[in-house]
PDB file of N, CA and C in Angstrom:
ATOM      1  N   MET A   1      14.799   9.395   7.756  1.00  0.00           N
ATOM      2  CA  MET A   1      15.635   8.093   7.395  1.00  0.00           C
ATOM      3  C   MET A   1      15.731   7.207   8.594  1.00  0.00           C
ATOM      4  N   ASN A   2      15.584   6.008   8.146  1.00  0.00           N
ATOM      5  CA  ASN A   2      15.686   4.862   9.336  1.00  0.00           C
ATOM      6  C   ASN A   2      16.967   4.421   9.868  1.00  0.00           C
ATOM      7  N   SER A   3      16.919   4.215  10.913  1.00  0.00           N
ATOM      8  CA  SER A   3      18.164   3.817  11.592  1.00  0.00           C
ATOM      9  C   SER A   3      18.439   2.399  11.638  1.00  0.00           C
ATOM     10  N   LEU A   4      19.662   2.187  11.515  1.00  0.00           N
ATOM     11  CA  LEU A   4      20.429   0.819  11.518  1.00  0.00           C
ATOM     12  C   LEU A   4      19.940   0.064  12.672  1.00  0.00           C
ATOM     13  N   VAL A   5      19.678   0.715  13.861  1.00  0.00           N
ATOM     14  CA  VAL A   5      19.469  -0.219  15.085  1.00  0.00           C
ATOM     15  C   VAL A   5      17.959  -0.721  14.830  1.00  0.00           C
ATOM     16  N   THR A   6      16.982   0.161  14.263  1.00  0.00           N
ATOM     17  CA  THR A   6      15.695  -0.451  13.963  1.00  0.00           C
ATOM     18  C   THR A   6      15.745  -1.486  12.991  1.00  0.00           C
ATOM     19  N   GLN A   7      16.501  -1.369  11.877  1.00  0.00           N
ATOM     20  CA  GLN A   7      16.654  -2.507  10.992  1.00  0.00           C
ATOM     21  C   GLN A   7      17.143  -3.669  11.637  1.00  0.00           C
ATOM     22  N   MET A   8      18.204  -3.646  12.512  1.00  0.00           N
ATOM     23  CA  MET A   8      18.668  -4.669  13.013  1.00  0.00           C
ATOM     24  C   MET A   8      17.625  -5.325  13.996  1.00  0.00           C
ATOM     25  N   ILE A   9      16.809  -4.573  14.761  1.00  0.00           N
ATOM     26  CA  ILE A   9      16.016  -5.170  15.652  1.00  0.00           C
ATOM     27  C   ILE A   9      14.894  -6.015  14.900  1.00  0.00           C
ATOM     28  N   VAL A  10      14.299  -5.401  13.788  1.00  0.00           N
ATOM     29  CA  VAL A  10      13.239  -5.961  12.855  1.00  0.00           C
ATOM     30  C   VAL A  10      13.745  -7.186  12.437  1.00  0.00           C
ATOM     31  N   ALA A  11      15.098  -7.188  11.831  1.00  0.00           N
ATOM     32  CA  ALA A  11      15.723  -8.337  11.077  1.00  0.00           C
ATOM     33  C   ALA A  11      15.980  -9.438  12.222  1.00  0.00           C
ATOM     34  N   GLU A  12      16.414  -9.067  13.372  1.00  0.00           N
ATOM     35  CA  GLU A  12      16.533 -10.093  14.387  1.00  0.00           C
ATOM     36  C   GLU A  12      15.320 -10.863  14.801  1.00  0.00           C
ATOM     37  N   ARG A  13      14.232  -9.983  14.877  1.00  0.00           N
ATOM     38  CA  ARG A  13      12.871 -10.497  15.440  1.00  0.00           C
ATOM     39  C   ARG A  13      12.103 -11.406  14.343  1.00  0.00           C
ATOM     40  N   TYR A  14      12.207 -10.743  13.095  1.00  0.00           N
ATOM     41  CA  TYR A  14      11.361 -11.308  12.171  1.00  0.00           C
ATOM     42  C   TYR A  14      12.156 -11.997  10.890  1.00  0.00           C
ATOM     43  N   GLY A  15      13.479 -11.693  10.648  1.00  0.00           N
ATOM     44  CA  GLY A  15      14.152 -12.122   9.541  1.00  0.00           C
ATOM     45  C   GLY A  15      14.053 -11.014   8.555  1.00  0.00           C
ATOM     46  N   LEU A  16      14.675 -11.329   7.308  1.00  0.00           N
ATOM     47  CA  LEU A  16      14.748 -10.308   6.305  1.00  0.00           C
ATOM     48  C   LEU A  16      13.623  -9.900   5.576  1.00  0.00           C
ATOM     49  N   ARG A  17      12.544 -10.721   5.718  1.00  0.00           N
ATOM     50  CA  ARG A  17      11.335 -10.186   5.080  1.00  0.00           C
ATOM     51  C   ARG A  17       9.957 -10.801   6.091  1.00  0.00           C
ATOM     52  N   LEU A  18       8.984  -9.979   6.025  1.00  0.00           N
ATOM     53  CA  LEU A  18       7.928 -10.202   6.894  1.00  0.00           C
ATOM     54  C   LEU A  18       6.522 -10.573   6.204  1.00  0.00           C
ATOM     55  N   SER A  19       6.021 -11.617   6.645  1.00  0.00           N
ATOM     56  CA  SER A  19       4.751 -12.166   5.826  1.00  0.00           C
ATOM     57  C   SER A  19       3.624 -11.355   6.419  1.00  0.00           C
ATOM     58  N   VAL A  20       2.354 -11.449   5.792  1.00  0.00           N
ATOM     59  CA  VAL A  20       1.368 -10.688   6.220  1.00  0.00           C
ATOM     60  C   VAL A  20       0.948 -10.903   7.656  1.00  0.00           C
ATOM     61  N   LYS A  21       0.976 -12.121   8.162  1.00  0.00           N
ATOM     62  CA  LYS A  21       0.791 -12.663   9.505  1.00  0.00           C
ATOM     63  C   LYS A  21       1.576 -11.723  10.344  1.00  0.00           C
ATOM     64  N   GLU A  22       2.985 -11.643   9.983  1.00  0.00           N
ATOM     65  CA  GLU A  22       3.909 -10.893  10.856  1.00  0.00           C
ATOM     66  C   GLU A  22       3.623  -9.385  10.812  1.00  0.00           C
ATOM     67  N   LEU A  23       3.171  -8.859   9.686  1.00  0.00           N
ATOM     68  CA  LEU A  23       2.841  -7.587   9.429  1.00  0.00           C
ATOM     69  C   LEU A  23       1.726  -7.161  10.446  1.00  0.00           C
ATOM     70  N   ALA A  24       0.719  -8.136  10.476  1.00  0.00           N
ATOM     71  CA  ALA A  24      -0.360  -7.836  11.325  1.00  0.00           C
ATOM     72  C   ALA A  24      -0.117  -7.781  12.733  1.00  0.00           C
ATOM     73  N   GLU A  25       0.826  -8.757  13.073  1.00  0.00           N
ATOM     74  CA  GLU A  25       1.232  -8.817  14.412  1.00  0.00           C
ATOM     75  C   GLU A  25       1.984  -7.476  14.909  1.00  0.00           C
ATOM     76  N   LEU A  26       2.798  -6.988  13.954  1.00  0.00           N
ATOM     77  CA  LEU A  26       3.678  -5.806  14.310  1.00  0.00           C
ATOM     78  C   LEU A  26       2.814  -4.434  14.254  1.00  0.00           C
ATOM     79  N   THR A  27       1.897  -4.542  13.436  1.00  0.00           N
ATOM     80  CA  THR A  27       0.999  -3.335  13.268  1.00  0.00           C
ATOM     81  C   THR A  27      -0.293  -3.397  14.270  1.00  0.00           C
ATOM     82  N   LYS A  28      -0.402  -4.485  14.940  1.00  0.00           N
ATOM     83  CA  LYS A  28      -1.643  -4.552  15.810  1.00  0.00           C
ATOM     84  C   LYS A  28      -2.937  -4.584  14.929  1.00  0.00           C
ATOM     85  N   LEU A  29      -2.951  -4.983  13.840  1.00  0.00           N
ATOM     86  CA  LEU A  29      -4.120  -5.219  12.833  1.00  0.00           C
ATOM     87  C   LEU A  29      -4.323  -6.706  12.609  1.00  0.00           C
ATOM     88  N   THR A  30      -5.678  -6.930  12.201  1.00  0.00           N
ATOM     89  CA  THR A  30      -5.856  -8.274  11.912  1.00  0.00           C
ATOM     90  C   THR A  30      -5.226  -8.537  10.545  1.00  0.00           C
ATOM     91  N   GLU A  31      -4.956  -9.864  10.118  1.00  0.00           N
ATOM     92  CA  GLU A  31      -4.372 -10.208   8.937  1.00  0.00           C
ATOM     93  C   GLU A  31      -5.446  -9.649   7.879  1.00  0.00           C
ATOM     94  N   GLY A  32      -6.676  -9.955   7.935  1.00  0.00           N
ATOM     95  CA  GLY A  32      -7.645  -9.479   6.974  1.00  0.00           C
ATOM     96  C   GLY A  32      -7.691  -8.035   6.643  1.00  0.00           C
ATOM     97  N   THR A  33      -7.418  -7.089   7.709  1.00  0.00           N
ATOM     98  CA  THR A  33      -7.288  -5.614   7.605  1.00  0.00           C
ATOM     99  C   THR A  33      -6.128  -5.447   6.806  1.00  0.00           C
ATOM    100  N   VAL A  34      -4.949  -6.091   7.104  1.00  0.00           N
ATOM    101  CA  VAL A  34      -3.793  -5.944   6.362  1.00  0.00           C
ATOM    102  C   VAL A  34      -4.002  -6.370   4.807  1.00  0.00           C
ATOM    103  N   ARG A  35      -4.510  -7.404   4.573  1.00  0.00           N
ATOM    104  CA  ARG A  35      -4.705  -7.728   3.149  1.00  0.00           C
ATOM    105  C   ARG A  35      -5.637  -6.728   2.429  1.00  0.00           C
ATOM    106  N   ASN A  36      -6.871  -6.317   3.324  1.00  0.00           N
ATOM    107  CA  ASN A  36      -7.652  -5.362   2.538  1.00  0.00           C
ATOM    108  C   ASN A  36      -6.863  -4.050   2.206  1.00  0.00           C
ATOM    109  N   GLN A  37      -6.071  -3.627   3.150  1.00  0.00           N
ATOM    110  CA  GLN A  37      -5.307  -2.445   2.809  1.00  0.00           C
ATOM    111  C   GLN A  37      -4.316  -2.582   1.788  1.00  0.00           C
ATOM    112  N   ILE A  38      -3.671  -3.608   1.746  1.00  0.00           N
ATOM    113  CA  ILE A  38      -2.732  -4.019   0.728  1.00  0.00           C
ATOM    114  C   ILE A  38      -3.524  -3.899  -0.653  1.00  0.00           C
ATOM    115  N   SER A  39      -4.657  -4.534  -0.831  1.00  0.00           N
ATOM    116  CA  SER A  39      -5.422  -4.558  -1.963  1.00  0.00           C
ATOM    117  C   SER A  39      -5.805  -3.126  -2.312  1.00  0.00           C
ATOM    118  N   ALA A  40      -6.184  -2.329  -1.427  1.00  0.00           N
ATOM    119  CA  ALA A  40      -6.580  -0.999  -1.644  1.00  0.00           C
ATOM    120  C   ALA A  40      -5.663   0.107  -1.800  1.00  0.00           C
ATOM    121  N   GLN A  41      -4.292  -0.590  -1.663  1.00  0.00           N
ATOM    122  CA  GLN A  41      -3.023   0.231  -1.805  1.00  0.00           C
ATOM    123  C   GLN A  41      -3.030   1.436  -0.834  1.00  0.00           C
ATOM    124  N   THR A  42      -3.427   1.077   0.425  1.00  0.00           N
ATOM    125  CA  THR A  42      -3.502   2.075   1.569  1.00  0.00           C
ATOM    126  C   THR A  42      -2.651   1.435   2.710  1.00  0.00           C
ATOM    127  N   PHE A  43      -2.151   0.299   2.670  1.00  0.00           N
ATOM    128  CA  PHE A  43      -1.140  -0.059   3.570  1.00  0.00           C
ATOM    129  C   PHE A  43       0.149   0.689   3.564  1.00  0.00           C
ATOM    130  N   PRO A  44       0.537   1.206   4.788  1.00  0.00           N
ATOM    131  CA  PRO A  44       1.702   1.988   4.848  1.00  0.00           C
ATOM    132  C   PRO A  44       3.115   1.495   4.395  1.00  0.00           C
ATOM    133  N   ILE A  45       3.188   0.141   4.433  1.00  0.00           N
ATOM    134  CA  ILE A  45       4.321  -0.501   4.210  1.00  0.00           C
ATOM    135  C   ILE A  45       4.478  -1.127   2.777  1.00  0.00           C
ATOM    136  N   PRO A  46       5.324  -0.808   2.017  1.00  0.00           N
ATOM    137  CA  PRO A  46       5.288  -1.568   0.676  1.00  0.00           C
ATOM    138  C   PRO A  46       5.501  -3.011   0.820  1.00  0.00           C
ATOM    139  N   THR A  47       4.700  -3.771  -0.135  1.00  0.00           N
ATOM    140  CA  THR A  47       4.857  -5.214  -0.152  1.00  0.00           C
ATOM    141  C   THR A  47       5.091  -5.734  -1.422  1.00  0.00           C
ATOM    142  N   TYR A  48       5.444  -7.008  -1.512  1.00  0.00           N
ATOM    143  CA  TYR A  48       5.526  -7.514  -2.905  1.00  0.00           C
ATOM    144  C   TYR A  48       5.279  -8.890  -2.740  1.00  0.00           C
ATOM    145  N   ASN A  49       4.849  -9.610  -4.089  1.00  0.00           N
ATOM    146  CA  ASN A  49       4.622 -10.956  -4.269  1.00  0.00           C
ATOM    147  C   ASN A  49       5.812 -11.786  -4.438  1.00  0.00           C
ATOM    148  N   GLU A  50       5.962 -12.866  -3.935  1.00  0.00           N
ATOM    149  CA  GLU A  50       7.033 -13.893  -4.274  1.00  0.00           C
ATOM    150  C   GLU A  50       6.397 -15.145  -3.985  1.00  0.00           C
ATOM    151  N   GLY A  51       6.651 -16.129  -4.826  1.00  0.00           N
ATOM    152  CA  GLY A  51       6.132 -17.594  -4.466  1.00  0.00           C
ATOM    153  C   GLY A  51       4.853 -17.695  -4.011  1.00  0.00           C
ATOM    154  N   GLY A  52       3.875 -16.710  -4.522  1.00  0.00           N
ATOM    155  CA  GLY A  52       2.529 -16.849  -4.270  1.00  0.00           C
ATOM    156  C   GLY A  52       2.206 -16.233  -2.822  1.00  0.00           C
ATOM    157  N   LYS A  53       3.149 -15.566  -2.101  1.00  0.00           N
ATOM    158  CA  LYS A  53       2.861 -15.063  -0.888  1.00  0.00           C
ATOM    159  C   LYS A  53       3.241 -13.591  -1.049  1.00  0.00           C
ATOM    160  N   ARG A  54       2.783 -12.828  -0.143  1.00  0.00           N
ATOM    161  CA  ARG A  54       3.078 -11.324   0.019  1.00  0.00           C
ATOM    162  C   ARG A  54       3.915 -11.197   1.225  1.00  0.00           C
ATOM    163  N   TRP A  55       5.019 -10.393   0.830  1.00  0.00           N
ATOM    164  CA  TRP A  55       6.053 -10.076   1.840  1.00  0.00           C
ATOM    165  C   TRP A  55       6.246  -8.506   1.837  1.00  0.00           C
ATOM    166  N   ALA A  56       6.963  -8.266   2.890  1.00  0.00           N
ATOM    167  CA  ALA A  56       7.505  -6.740   3.102  1.00  0.00           C
ATOM    168  C   ALA A  56       8.975  -6.874   3.527  1.00  0.00           C
ATOM    169  N   ALA A  57       9.935  -6.204   2.968  1.00  0.00           N
ATOM    170  CA  ALA A  57      11.344  -6.163   3.283  1.00  0.00           C
ATOM    171  C   ALA A  57      11.640  -5.465   4.657  1.00  0.00           C
ATOM    172  N   TYR A  58      12.443  -6.107   5.453  1.00  0.00           N
ATOM    173  CA  TYR A  58      12.625  -5.483   6.810  1.00  0.00           C
ATOM    174  C   TYR A  58      13.003  -3.971   6.821  1.00  0.00           C
ATOM    175  N   GLN A  59      13.813  -3.648   5.672  1.00  0.00           N
ATOM    176  CA  GLN A  59      14.278  -2.226   5.718  1.00  0.00           C
ATOM    177  C   GLN A  59      12.901  -1.162   5.495  1.00  0.00           C
ATOM    178  N   ASP A  60      11.993  -1.749   4.873  1.00  0.00           N
ATOM    179  CA  ASP A  60      10.697  -0.844   4.686  1.00  0.00           C
ATOM    180  C   ASP A  60       9.792  -0.725   5.833  1.00  0.00           C
ATOM    181  N   VAL A  61       9.775  -2.077   6.669  1.00  0.00           N
ATOM    182  CA  VAL A  61       9.284  -2.050   8.027  1.00  0.00           C
ATOM    183  C   VAL A  61       9.876  -1.231   9.027  1.00  0.00           C
ATOM    184  N   ALA A  62      11.257  -1.119   9.017  1.00  0.00           N
ATOM    185  CA  ALA A  62      11.961  -0.283   9.922  1.00  0.00           C
ATOM    186  C   ALA A  62      11.741   1.162   9.623  1.00  0.00           C
ATOM    187  N   ALA A  63      11.669   1.482   8.401  1.00  0.00           N
ATOM    188  CA  ALA A  63      11.337   2.769   7.931  1.00  0.00           C
ATOM    189  C   ALA A  63      10.054   3.308   8.436  1.00  0.00           C
ATOM    190  N   TYR A  64       9.139   2.528   8.329  1.00  0.00           N
ATOM    191  CA  TYR A  64       7.613   2.661   8.824  1.00  0.00           C
ATOM    192  C   TYR A  64       7.692   2.932  10.333  1.00  0.00           C
ATOM    193  N   LEU A  65       8.515   2.107  11.069  1.00  0.00           N
ATOM    194  CA  LEU A  65       8.362   2.284  12.489  1.00  0.00           C
ATOM    195  C   LEU A  65       9.179   3.503  12.885  1.00  0.00           C
ATOM    196  N   ASP A  66      10.321   3.924  12.278  1.00  0.00           N
ATOM    197  CA  ASP A  66      10.983   5.115  12.543  1.00  0.00           C
ATOM    198  C   ASP A  66       9.988   6.488  12.123  1.00  0.00           C
ATOM    199  N   GLN A  67       9.422   6.238  11.081  1.00  0.00           N
ATOM    200  CA  GLN A  67       8.421   7.270  10.659  1.00  0.00           C
ATOM    201  C   GLN A  67       7.383   7.654  11.916  1.00  0.00           C
ATOM    202  N   MET A  68       6.876   6.465  12.337  1.00  0.00           N
ATOM    203  CA  MET A  68       5.630   6.573  13.278  1.00  0.00           C
ATOM    204  C   MET A  68       6.287   7.026  14.699  1.00  0.00           C
ATOM    205  N   SER A  69       7.537   6.810  14.993  1.00  0.00           N
ATOM    206  CA  SER A  69       8.293   7.253  16.013  1.00  0.00           C
ATOM    207  C   SER A  69       8.417   8.806  15.973  1.00  0.00           C
ATOM    208  N   GLU A  70       8.907   9.316  14.821  1.00  0.00           N
ATOM    209  CA  GLU A  70       8.962  10.611  14.521  1.00  0.00           C
ATOM    210  C   GLU A  70       7.858  11.558  14.679  1.00  0.00           C
ATOM    211  N   GLN A  71       6.726  10.952  14.112  1.00  0.00           N
ATOM    212  CA  GLN A  71       5.323  11.496  14.207  1.00  0.00           C
ATOM    213  C   GLN A  71       5.046  11.624  15.622  1.00  0.00           C
ATOM    214  N   ALA A  72       5.158  10.659  16.442  1.00  0.00           N
ATOM    215  CA  ALA A  72       4.792  10.661  17.737  1.00  0.00           C
ATOM    216  C   ALA A  72       5.563  11.762  18.605  1.00  0.00           C
ATOM    217  N   ARG A  73       6.784  11.784  18.306  1.00  0.00           N
ATOM    218  CA  ARG A  73       7.649  13.013  19.101  1.00  0.00           C
ATOM    219  C   ARG A  73       7.207  14.270  18.609  1.00  0.00           C
ATOM    220  N   ALA A  74       6.720  14.556  17.242  1.00  0.00           N
ATOM    221  CA  ALA A  74       6.423  15.778  16.869  1.00  0.00           C
ATOM    222  C   ALA A  74       5.036  16.210  17.304  1.00  0.00           C
ATOM    223  N   ALA A  75       4.292  15.180  17.727  1.00  0.00           N
ATOM    224  CA  ALA A  75       2.735  15.482  18.367  1.00  0.00           C
ATOM    225  C   ALA A  75       2.916  16.030  19.681  1.00  0.00           C
TER     226      ALA A  75
END
């Protein structure tokens, strides 16, 4: 379960939704890699189209970050 703190941090830094460019910055991937993974349906964060652009909700990004943190602790 994602924490409200993580959600607040993501929303503060990026706003309520993140563009592909911002997702690339956050995940340390290139924009092309993010787009390729989205197309292949292998990108770990859910995205959606709106206004001809691809977005991810800040809650989904926060959940992904929390999941990665949990996996790191477990390793």
